[in-house]
N, C-alpha and C. Protein backbone atom coordinates (compact mmCIF):
# COMPACT_ATOMS: atom_id res chain seq x y z
N MET A 1 -20.48 21.35 34.02
CA MET A 1 -19.17 21.13 33.71
C MET A 1 -18.66 22.31 32.86
N ARG A 2 -17.50 22.74 33.08
CA ARG A 2 -16.90 23.84 32.37
C ARG A 2 -15.53 23.48 31.93
N ILE A 3 -15.23 23.69 30.57
CA ILE A 3 -13.88 23.39 30.09
C ILE A 3 -13.36 24.80 29.72
N MET A 4 -12.29 25.19 30.25
CA MET A 4 -11.63 26.41 29.92
C MET A 4 -10.49 26.04 28.89
N LEU A 5 -10.55 26.81 27.82
CA LEU A 5 -9.45 26.59 26.78
C LEU A 5 -8.42 27.57 26.93
N CYS A 6 -7.26 27.25 27.27
CA CYS A 6 -6.16 28.19 27.45
C CYS A 6 -5.03 27.80 26.53
N ARG A 7 -4.26 28.85 26.23
CA ARG A 7 -3.02 28.68 25.42
C ARG A 7 -1.87 28.57 26.35
N LEU A 8 -0.89 27.88 25.86
CA LEU A 8 0.46 27.82 26.69
C LEU A 8 0.97 29.24 26.65
N LYS A 9 1.14 29.81 27.79
CA LYS A 9 1.54 31.22 27.92
C LYS A 9 3.13 31.31 27.92
N ARG A 10 3.71 30.99 28.98
CA ARG A 10 5.17 31.08 29.04
C ARG A 10 5.63 29.77 29.69
N CYS A 11 6.70 29.30 29.14
CA CYS A 11 7.34 28.13 29.68
C CYS A 11 8.47 28.43 30.57
N ALA A 12 9.28 27.54 30.96
CA ALA A 12 10.43 27.81 31.82
C ALA A 12 11.41 28.84 31.29
N GLN A 13 11.52 28.93 30.00
CA GLN A 13 12.43 29.96 29.40
C GLN A 13 11.70 31.31 29.25
N PRO A 14 12.24 32.34 30.00
CA PRO A 14 11.61 33.66 29.83
C PRO A 14 11.56 34.18 28.44
N GLU A 15 12.50 33.82 27.53
CA GLU A 15 12.54 34.42 26.23
C GLU A 15 11.42 33.81 25.27
N LEU A 16 10.67 32.84 25.71
CA LEU A 16 9.74 32.19 24.85
C LEU A 16 8.51 33.16 24.77
N PRO A 17 8.19 33.53 23.51
CA PRO A 17 6.97 34.49 23.26
C PRO A 17 5.66 33.79 23.53
N LEU A 18 4.72 34.60 23.74
CA LEU A 18 3.33 34.15 23.90
C LEU A 18 2.83 33.60 22.58
N LEU A 19 2.01 32.47 22.61
CA LEU A 19 1.53 31.78 21.43
C LEU A 19 0.18 32.53 21.08
N ASN A 20 -0.11 32.67 19.80
CA ASN A 20 -1.35 33.20 19.44
C ASN A 20 -1.79 32.37 18.14
N GLY A 21 -2.99 32.64 17.59
CA GLY A 21 -3.46 31.81 16.48
C GLY A 21 -3.83 30.43 16.87
N SER A 22 -3.40 29.43 16.09
CA SER A 22 -3.75 28.11 16.47
C SER A 22 -3.00 27.54 17.62
N GLY A 23 -1.85 28.21 17.86
CA GLY A 23 -1.10 27.79 19.15
C GLY A 23 -0.31 26.49 18.99
N PHE A 24 -1.03 25.41 18.55
CA PHE A 24 -0.40 24.11 18.57
C PHE A 24 0.66 24.06 17.46
N ALA A 25 0.33 24.63 16.26
CA ALA A 25 1.26 24.61 15.19
C ALA A 25 2.55 25.43 15.57
N GLU A 26 2.24 26.56 16.19
CA GLU A 26 3.46 27.35 16.63
C GLU A 26 4.27 26.68 17.77
N LEU A 27 3.58 25.85 18.55
CA LEU A 27 4.26 25.13 19.60
C LEU A 27 5.16 24.14 18.90
N MET A 28 4.74 23.47 17.84
CA MET A 28 5.59 22.53 17.13
C MET A 28 6.85 23.12 16.51
N LEU A 29 6.65 24.42 16.03
CA LEU A 29 7.81 25.10 15.39
C LEU A 29 8.75 25.48 16.42
N MET A 30 8.39 25.76 17.61
CA MET A 30 9.24 26.24 18.68
C MET A 30 9.66 25.15 19.67
N ARG A 31 9.44 23.86 19.30
CA ARG A 31 9.72 22.80 20.22
C ARG A 31 11.16 22.75 20.81
N ASP A 32 12.16 23.27 19.99
CA ASP A 32 13.46 23.29 20.53
C ASP A 32 13.69 24.23 21.69
N LEU A 33 12.79 25.18 21.84
CA LEU A 33 12.91 26.18 22.99
C LEU A 33 12.13 25.65 24.22
N ILE A 34 11.30 24.62 24.08
CA ILE A 34 10.37 24.21 25.10
C ILE A 34 10.92 22.94 25.76
N THR A 35 10.83 23.01 27.06
CA THR A 35 11.35 21.81 27.87
C THR A 35 10.58 20.52 27.55
N PRO A 36 11.09 19.37 27.66
CA PRO A 36 10.34 18.12 27.52
C PRO A 36 9.06 18.05 28.42
N HIS A 37 9.23 18.58 29.62
CA HIS A 37 8.06 18.59 30.65
C HIS A 37 6.90 19.46 29.94
N ALA A 38 7.27 20.58 29.48
CA ALA A 38 6.21 21.43 28.90
C ALA A 38 5.56 20.79 27.65
N MET A 39 6.34 19.99 26.80
CA MET A 39 5.74 19.37 25.82
C MET A 39 4.86 18.22 26.13
N LEU A 40 5.26 17.47 27.18
CA LEU A 40 4.44 16.40 27.76
C LEU A 40 3.16 16.95 28.31
N ALA A 41 3.26 18.05 29.03
CA ALA A 41 2.05 18.64 29.58
C ALA A 41 1.11 19.11 28.49
N THR A 42 1.63 19.65 27.45
CA THR A 42 0.84 20.15 26.37
C THR A 42 0.12 18.94 25.66
N ARG A 43 0.91 17.89 25.46
CA ARG A 43 0.32 16.64 24.79
C ARG A 43 -0.75 16.10 25.74
N LEU A 44 -0.55 16.07 26.97
CA LEU A 44 -1.56 15.46 27.90
C LEU A 44 -2.87 16.36 27.95
N LEU A 45 -2.68 17.68 27.84
CA LEU A 45 -3.79 18.64 27.82
C LEU A 45 -4.61 18.37 26.50
N ARG A 46 -3.93 18.16 25.39
CA ARG A 46 -4.61 17.89 24.14
C ARG A 46 -5.39 16.65 24.18
N LEU A 47 -4.79 15.61 24.73
CA LEU A 47 -5.55 14.28 24.89
C LEU A 47 -6.71 14.44 25.84
N THR A 48 -6.56 15.16 26.86
CA THR A 48 -7.70 15.30 27.82
C THR A 48 -8.78 16.14 27.15
N LEU A 49 -8.43 17.24 26.52
CA LEU A 49 -9.46 18.05 25.84
C LEU A 49 -10.23 17.25 24.67
N ASP A 50 -9.42 16.53 24.05
CA ASP A 50 -9.95 15.60 22.94
C ASP A 50 -10.97 14.70 23.55
N ALA A 51 -10.60 14.04 24.67
CA ALA A 51 -11.53 13.01 25.29
C ALA A 51 -12.77 13.64 25.84
N GLU A 52 -12.63 14.84 26.45
CA GLU A 52 -13.80 15.60 26.99
C GLU A 52 -14.67 16.03 25.84
N LEU A 53 -14.16 16.59 24.77
CA LEU A 53 -14.98 17.02 23.63
C LEU A 53 -15.66 15.88 23.01
N LYS A 54 -15.08 14.66 22.95
CA LYS A 54 -15.76 13.50 22.30
C LYS A 54 -16.99 13.19 23.22
N LYS A 55 -16.94 13.26 24.57
CA LYS A 55 -18.00 13.03 25.45
C LYS A 55 -19.17 13.98 25.20
N MET A 56 -18.80 15.23 24.72
CA MET A 56 -19.84 16.19 24.57
C MET A 56 -20.48 16.12 23.18
N MET A 57 -19.95 15.37 22.21
CA MET A 57 -20.48 15.24 20.87
C MET A 57 -21.94 14.78 20.96
N GLY A 58 -22.82 15.60 20.05
CA GLY A 58 -24.16 15.29 20.10
C GLY A 58 -24.93 15.83 21.25
N LYS A 59 -24.33 16.57 22.10
CA LYS A 59 -25.07 17.08 23.29
C LYS A 59 -25.13 18.61 23.11
N ASN A 60 -26.17 19.23 23.82
CA ASN A 60 -26.32 20.63 23.88
C ASN A 60 -25.19 21.24 24.60
N VAL A 61 -24.51 22.17 24.10
CA VAL A 61 -23.38 22.90 24.77
C VAL A 61 -23.61 24.42 24.67
N SER A 62 -22.96 25.11 25.53
CA SER A 62 -22.90 26.59 25.40
C SER A 62 -21.43 26.95 25.29
N VAL A 63 -21.12 27.88 24.28
CA VAL A 63 -19.73 28.20 23.98
C VAL A 63 -19.62 29.66 24.21
N GLU A 64 -18.74 30.11 25.06
CA GLU A 64 -18.48 31.44 25.43
C GLU A 64 -17.28 31.86 24.53
N THR A 65 -17.46 33.02 23.85
CA THR A 65 -16.41 33.46 22.98
C THR A 65 -15.56 34.63 23.60
N SER A 66 -14.47 34.89 22.95
CA SER A 66 -13.56 35.95 23.50
C SER A 66 -14.20 37.33 23.51
N ASP A 67 -15.24 37.55 22.75
CA ASP A 67 -15.85 38.82 22.68
C ASP A 67 -17.07 38.90 23.63
N GLY A 68 -17.27 37.83 24.45
CA GLY A 68 -18.34 37.74 25.41
C GLY A 68 -19.64 37.24 24.95
N SER A 69 -19.75 36.93 23.58
CA SER A 69 -21.00 36.24 23.13
C SER A 69 -21.14 34.84 23.64
N LEU A 70 -22.37 34.32 23.64
CA LEU A 70 -22.60 33.02 24.19
C LEU A 70 -23.50 32.29 23.04
N TYR A 71 -22.93 31.25 22.47
CA TYR A 71 -23.54 30.42 21.58
C TYR A 71 -24.07 29.10 22.22
N THR A 72 -25.22 28.72 21.94
CA THR A 72 -25.78 27.40 22.39
C THR A 72 -26.19 26.65 21.18
N GLY A 73 -25.94 25.33 21.28
CA GLY A 73 -26.32 24.51 20.16
C GLY A 73 -25.75 22.98 20.48
N VAL A 74 -26.02 22.23 19.47
CA VAL A 74 -25.50 20.80 19.56
C VAL A 74 -24.18 20.69 18.95
N LEU A 75 -23.20 20.18 19.70
CA LEU A 75 -21.82 20.00 19.32
C LEU A 75 -21.77 18.88 18.19
N GLU A 76 -21.55 19.23 17.00
CA GLU A 76 -21.53 18.31 15.90
C GLU A 76 -20.11 17.86 15.48
N ALA A 77 -19.17 18.68 15.60
CA ALA A 77 -17.74 18.24 15.21
C ALA A 77 -16.78 19.28 15.89
N PHE A 78 -15.54 18.81 15.99
CA PHE A 78 -14.42 19.68 16.41
C PHE A 78 -13.15 19.19 15.79
N ASP A 79 -12.24 20.16 15.77
CA ASP A 79 -10.87 19.89 15.19
C ASP A 79 -9.95 19.92 16.33
N PRO A 80 -9.29 18.74 16.78
CA PRO A 80 -8.50 18.69 17.89
C PRO A 80 -7.21 19.58 17.72
N ALA A 81 -6.79 19.80 16.47
CA ALA A 81 -5.59 20.67 16.27
C ALA A 81 -5.85 22.05 16.64
N SER A 82 -6.89 22.64 16.09
CA SER A 82 -7.24 24.08 16.35
C SER A 82 -8.29 24.33 17.35
N LEU A 83 -8.93 23.39 17.78
CA LEU A 83 -10.04 23.38 18.82
C LEU A 83 -11.25 24.19 18.24
N SER A 84 -11.37 24.16 16.92
CA SER A 84 -12.56 24.85 16.23
C SER A 84 -13.64 23.86 16.44
N LEU A 85 -14.90 24.39 16.54
CA LEU A 85 -16.08 23.64 16.76
C LEU A 85 -17.19 23.90 15.80
N VAL A 86 -18.00 22.96 15.52
CA VAL A 86 -19.21 23.08 14.74
C VAL A 86 -20.47 22.86 15.53
N LEU A 87 -21.40 23.82 15.61
CA LEU A 87 -22.55 23.67 16.40
C LEU A 87 -23.78 23.73 15.38
N SER A 88 -24.78 22.82 15.65
CA SER A 88 -25.92 22.83 14.77
C SER A 88 -27.11 23.42 15.64
N ASN A 89 -28.11 23.85 15.00
CA ASN A 89 -29.28 24.45 15.67
C ASN A 89 -28.80 25.46 16.73
N ALA A 90 -27.93 26.30 16.37
CA ALA A 90 -27.28 27.22 17.19
C ALA A 90 -28.02 28.51 17.47
N GLU A 91 -27.85 29.07 18.65
CA GLU A 91 -28.50 30.39 18.98
C GLU A 91 -27.39 31.22 19.59
N LYS A 92 -27.41 32.51 19.14
CA LYS A 92 -26.45 33.48 19.68
C LYS A 92 -27.06 34.37 20.65
N ASP A 93 -26.58 34.38 21.96
CA ASP A 93 -27.09 35.33 22.83
C ASP A 93 -28.60 35.31 23.02
N LYS A 94 -29.17 34.19 22.95
CA LYS A 94 -30.62 33.97 23.08
C LYS A 94 -31.43 34.91 22.08
N GLY A 95 -30.87 35.01 20.85
CA GLY A 95 -31.60 35.83 19.91
C GLY A 95 -31.43 35.17 18.49
N GLN A 96 -30.45 35.47 17.74
CA GLN A 96 -30.18 35.04 16.42
C GLN A 96 -30.08 33.51 16.38
N LYS A 97 -30.70 32.86 15.45
CA LYS A 97 -30.60 31.45 15.33
C LYS A 97 -30.00 31.09 14.02
N TYR A 98 -29.17 30.02 14.12
CA TYR A 98 -28.44 29.54 12.89
C TYR A 98 -28.54 28.08 12.81
N PHE A 99 -28.58 27.63 11.49
CA PHE A 99 -28.58 26.14 11.28
C PHE A 99 -27.28 25.55 11.62
N ARG A 100 -26.19 26.14 11.25
CA ARG A 100 -24.82 25.66 11.59
C ARG A 100 -23.95 26.82 11.88
N VAL A 101 -23.09 26.64 12.94
CA VAL A 101 -22.11 27.75 13.18
C VAL A 101 -20.70 27.10 13.43
N VAL A 102 -19.67 27.63 12.78
CA VAL A 102 -18.31 27.20 12.93
C VAL A 102 -17.62 28.30 13.76
N LEU A 103 -17.09 27.78 14.85
CA LEU A 103 -16.40 28.69 15.77
C LEU A 103 -14.90 28.34 15.75
N GLY A 104 -14.02 29.38 15.45
CA GLY A 104 -12.57 29.10 15.47
C GLY A 104 -12.07 28.95 16.86
N GLY A 105 -11.15 28.08 17.05
CA GLY A 105 -10.55 27.75 18.33
C GLY A 105 -9.97 28.98 19.07
N ALA A 106 -9.37 29.89 18.32
CA ALA A 106 -8.74 31.01 18.89
C ALA A 106 -9.82 32.02 19.45
N TYR A 107 -11.06 31.86 18.96
CA TYR A 107 -12.19 32.65 19.33
C TYR A 107 -12.95 32.14 20.57
N ILE A 108 -12.66 30.90 20.96
CA ILE A 108 -13.47 30.28 22.07
C ILE A 108 -12.82 30.50 23.43
N ARG A 109 -13.57 30.92 24.46
CA ARG A 109 -13.01 31.14 25.73
C ARG A 109 -13.34 29.98 26.64
N ALA A 110 -14.60 29.43 26.52
CA ALA A 110 -15.02 28.29 27.36
C ALA A 110 -16.09 27.53 26.60
N ILE A 111 -16.16 26.29 26.99
CA ILE A 111 -17.19 25.34 26.50
C ILE A 111 -18.01 24.81 27.72
N LEU A 112 -19.31 25.08 27.79
CA LEU A 112 -20.10 24.65 28.94
C LEU A 112 -21.04 23.57 28.58
N LEU A 113 -21.15 22.62 29.40
CA LEU A 113 -22.15 21.56 29.27
C LEU A 113 -23.26 21.91 30.30
N PRO A 114 -24.44 22.40 29.91
CA PRO A 114 -25.35 22.83 30.87
C PRO A 114 -25.98 21.86 31.75
N LYS A 115 -26.17 20.62 31.25
CA LYS A 115 -26.77 19.54 32.00
C LYS A 115 -25.75 18.52 32.55
N ALA A 116 -26.05 18.01 33.62
CA ALA A 116 -25.19 16.82 34.15
C ALA A 116 -25.39 15.69 33.17
N PHE A 117 -24.37 14.86 33.00
CA PHE A 117 -24.48 13.77 32.15
C PHE A 117 -24.33 12.48 32.91
N VAL A 118 -24.86 11.39 32.37
CA VAL A 118 -25.00 10.10 33.03
C VAL A 118 -23.60 9.43 33.00
N GLU A 119 -23.18 8.82 34.15
CA GLU A 119 -21.98 8.03 34.18
C GLU A 119 -22.33 6.58 33.75
N LEU A 120 -22.29 6.40 32.39
CA LEU A 120 -22.63 5.19 31.83
C LEU A 120 -21.84 4.01 32.37
N ARG A 121 -20.61 4.24 32.63
CA ARG A 121 -19.77 3.15 33.19
C ARG A 121 -20.34 2.51 34.49
N LYS A 122 -20.92 3.48 35.34
CA LYS A 122 -21.57 3.03 36.61
C LYS A 122 -22.81 2.36 36.27
N LEU A 123 -23.55 2.85 35.32
CA LEU A 123 -24.78 2.16 34.95
C LEU A 123 -24.54 0.76 34.40
N ALA A 124 -23.42 0.67 33.60
CA ALA A 124 -23.01 -0.64 33.07
C ALA A 124 -22.71 -1.60 34.21
N GLU A 125 -21.99 -1.13 35.23
CA GLU A 125 -21.67 -1.99 36.40
C GLU A 125 -22.87 -2.43 37.10
N ARG A 126 -23.86 -1.53 37.27
CA ARG A 126 -25.10 -1.92 37.91
C ARG A 126 -25.86 -2.99 37.07
N LEU A 127 -25.91 -2.76 35.80
CA LEU A 127 -26.55 -3.76 34.98
C LEU A 127 -25.88 -5.05 34.91
N GLU A 128 -24.55 -5.04 35.05
CA GLU A 128 -23.73 -6.27 35.08
C GLU A 128 -24.16 -7.24 36.29
N ARG A 129 -24.56 -6.52 37.45
CA ARG A 129 -24.96 -7.34 38.57
C ARG A 129 -26.26 -8.02 38.25
N ILE A 130 -27.08 -7.53 37.38
CA ILE A 130 -28.40 -8.09 37.08
C ILE A 130 -28.28 -9.07 35.85
N PHE A 131 -27.46 -8.72 34.98
CA PHE A 131 -27.19 -9.53 33.68
C PHE A 131 -25.70 -9.88 33.69
N PRO A 132 -25.24 -10.82 34.43
CA PRO A 132 -23.81 -11.12 34.51
C PRO A 132 -23.31 -11.57 33.21
N ASN A 133 -22.08 -11.05 32.84
CA ASN A 133 -21.35 -11.31 31.66
C ASN A 133 -22.17 -11.10 30.32
N MET A 134 -23.17 -10.24 30.39
CA MET A 134 -24.08 -9.95 29.24
C MET A 134 -24.15 -8.46 28.95
N VAL A 135 -23.25 -7.73 29.57
CA VAL A 135 -23.26 -6.23 29.45
C VAL A 135 -21.91 -5.78 28.84
N LYS A 136 -22.11 -4.86 27.76
CA LYS A 136 -20.88 -4.30 27.14
C LYS A 136 -21.05 -2.82 27.20
N TYR A 137 -19.96 -2.07 27.55
CA TYR A 137 -20.00 -0.61 27.55
C TYR A 137 -19.07 -0.11 26.51
N ASN A 138 -19.65 0.65 25.53
CA ASN A 138 -18.88 1.25 24.42
C ASN A 138 -18.81 2.68 24.72
N GLU A 139 -17.62 3.15 25.23
CA GLU A 139 -17.47 4.49 25.73
C GLU A 139 -17.46 5.50 24.59
N GLU A 140 -16.86 5.03 23.41
CA GLU A 140 -16.80 6.03 22.30
C GLU A 140 -18.22 6.30 21.73
N ALA A 141 -18.99 5.31 21.72
CA ALA A 141 -20.38 5.48 21.24
C ALA A 141 -21.29 6.08 22.24
N GLY A 142 -20.90 5.98 23.52
CA GLY A 142 -21.73 6.48 24.62
C GLY A 142 -22.99 5.60 24.85
N VAL A 143 -22.75 4.28 24.84
CA VAL A 143 -23.89 3.38 24.85
C VAL A 143 -23.50 2.12 25.70
N VAL A 144 -24.56 1.60 26.39
CA VAL A 144 -24.36 0.34 27.14
C VAL A 144 -25.26 -0.66 26.32
N ILE A 145 -24.69 -1.89 26.00
CA ILE A 145 -25.45 -2.89 25.26
C ILE A 145 -25.72 -4.03 26.22
N VAL A 146 -26.91 -4.54 26.34
CA VAL A 146 -27.24 -5.65 27.17
C VAL A 146 -27.80 -6.75 26.23
N LEU A 147 -27.24 -7.94 26.48
CA LEU A 147 -27.59 -9.17 25.71
C LEU A 147 -27.50 -8.99 24.19
N ASP A 148 -26.66 -8.10 23.72
CA ASP A 148 -26.49 -7.74 22.29
C ASP A 148 -27.85 -7.34 21.64
N LYS A 149 -28.84 -6.88 22.44
CA LYS A 149 -30.15 -6.55 21.89
C LYS A 149 -30.66 -5.15 22.30
N VAL A 150 -30.34 -4.90 23.54
CA VAL A 150 -30.85 -3.61 24.22
C VAL A 150 -29.78 -2.56 24.32
N ARG A 151 -30.10 -1.42 23.78
CA ARG A 151 -29.04 -0.28 23.80
C ARG A 151 -29.56 0.69 24.75
N VAL A 152 -28.73 1.25 25.65
CA VAL A 152 -29.00 2.29 26.61
C VAL A 152 -28.02 3.45 26.39
N ASP A 153 -28.46 4.70 26.42
CA ASP A 153 -27.55 5.84 26.44
C ASP A 153 -28.05 6.73 27.59
N GLU A 154 -27.64 7.97 27.59
CA GLU A 154 -27.96 8.83 28.68
C GLU A 154 -29.43 9.21 28.78
N ARG A 155 -30.26 8.89 27.75
CA ARG A 155 -31.62 9.13 27.73
C ARG A 155 -32.44 7.95 28.21
N GLY A 156 -31.90 6.78 28.22
CA GLY A 156 -32.57 5.54 28.55
C GLY A 156 -32.45 4.55 27.44
N VAL A 157 -33.30 3.61 27.41
CA VAL A 157 -33.30 2.58 26.38
C VAL A 157 -33.62 3.20 25.02
N ILE A 158 -32.73 2.98 24.10
CA ILE A 158 -32.97 3.66 22.79
C ILE A 158 -33.18 2.54 21.67
N GLU A 159 -32.96 1.31 22.08
CA GLU A 159 -33.19 0.26 21.13
C GLU A 159 -33.43 -1.03 21.83
N GLY A 160 -34.47 -1.81 21.42
CA GLY A 160 -34.72 -3.08 21.99
C GLY A 160 -36.20 -3.03 22.60
N THR A 161 -36.76 -4.28 22.68
CA THR A 161 -38.18 -4.37 23.18
C THR A 161 -38.17 -5.62 24.03
N GLY A 162 -39.38 -5.73 24.69
CA GLY A 162 -39.61 -6.97 25.50
C GLY A 162 -39.22 -6.78 26.89
N MET A 163 -39.26 -7.96 27.61
CA MET A 163 -39.03 -7.94 29.05
C MET A 163 -37.67 -7.43 29.41
N VAL A 164 -36.68 -7.83 28.65
CA VAL A 164 -35.29 -7.38 29.00
C VAL A 164 -35.18 -5.87 28.88
N ALA A 165 -35.72 -5.35 27.77
CA ALA A 165 -35.72 -3.87 27.68
C ALA A 165 -36.46 -3.19 28.70
N GLU A 166 -37.61 -3.71 29.13
CA GLU A 166 -38.39 -3.15 30.21
C GLU A 166 -37.56 -3.13 31.53
N ARG A 167 -36.90 -4.26 31.79
CA ARG A 167 -36.08 -4.36 33.04
C ARG A 167 -34.96 -3.40 33.03
N VAL A 168 -34.26 -3.22 31.86
CA VAL A 168 -33.18 -2.33 31.74
C VAL A 168 -33.65 -0.88 31.97
N GLN A 169 -34.78 -0.60 31.31
CA GLN A 169 -35.30 0.84 31.54
C GLN A 169 -35.64 1.08 33.08
N LYS A 170 -36.15 0.09 33.64
CA LYS A 170 -36.42 0.28 35.12
C LYS A 170 -35.14 0.52 35.92
N VAL A 171 -34.12 -0.32 35.66
CA VAL A 171 -32.79 -0.09 36.31
C VAL A 171 -32.22 1.20 36.00
N TYR A 172 -32.40 1.66 34.75
CA TYR A 172 -31.99 2.99 34.30
C TYR A 172 -32.70 4.11 35.17
N GLU A 173 -33.96 3.94 35.26
CA GLU A 173 -34.74 4.98 36.00
C GLU A 173 -34.36 5.02 37.50
N GLU A 174 -34.09 3.92 38.10
CA GLU A 174 -33.67 3.81 39.50
C GLU A 174 -32.25 4.39 39.61
N PHE A 175 -31.42 4.14 38.64
CA PHE A 175 -30.00 4.68 38.58
C PHE A 175 -30.08 6.27 38.52
N MET A 176 -30.89 6.73 37.68
CA MET A 176 -31.07 8.19 37.51
C MET A 176 -31.58 8.87 38.81
N LYS A 177 -32.43 8.22 39.58
CA LYS A 177 -32.90 8.72 40.79
C LYS A 177 -31.75 8.88 41.82
N GLY A 178 -30.85 7.88 41.71
CA GLY A 178 -29.69 7.88 42.75
C GLY A 178 -28.57 8.72 42.29
N ALA A 179 -27.39 8.24 42.54
CA ALA A 179 -26.20 9.10 42.29
C ALA A 179 -25.54 8.71 40.99
N GLY A 180 -26.44 8.56 39.91
CA GLY A 180 -25.87 8.21 38.63
C GLY A 180 -25.47 9.31 37.64
N THR A 181 -25.62 10.54 38.20
CA THR A 181 -25.23 11.75 37.32
C THR A 181 -24.19 12.45 38.10
N GLU A 182 -23.44 13.28 37.32
CA GLU A 182 -22.38 14.14 37.97
C GLU A 182 -22.63 15.59 37.37
N SER A 183 -22.25 16.54 38.19
CA SER A 183 -22.50 17.97 37.76
C SER A 183 -21.23 18.43 37.08
């Protein structure tokens, strides 16, 4: 999966200058020059990026910067307003290693998720067929809860023991062999 971060370049009005810096703050200052459609599109883009970045939290990502550098690490935090990111256990261009790296949003060209991730909603639907009315899917936490005891995330059963946990793990493994991942 690849998320390209782009700034609003030009709107319907040719006199609108290019945005630089944080972009969003400048956009708010120039809102009188921007059409309602452009503002709506920008707001929708922000919401979509925010949702996608939340899905990437805690996962290994690669961040391509405007100078061509590539940082890899675990996405720990992000600022939705400036699109700045915090990576832990980061490595720059497969060489220098850092405990934490903060990358400014204006400096980021692309955020890459190297591995496919599990469609937990589909896994929850499959588990619901086996455990009717006993499955909850918490999208924000990225976890499926079965019988209020067994927790499953993209790695498999992370909490719970016994026969139910074993059955859930087996369903998870079968799911992963099938079409449960997306690229």
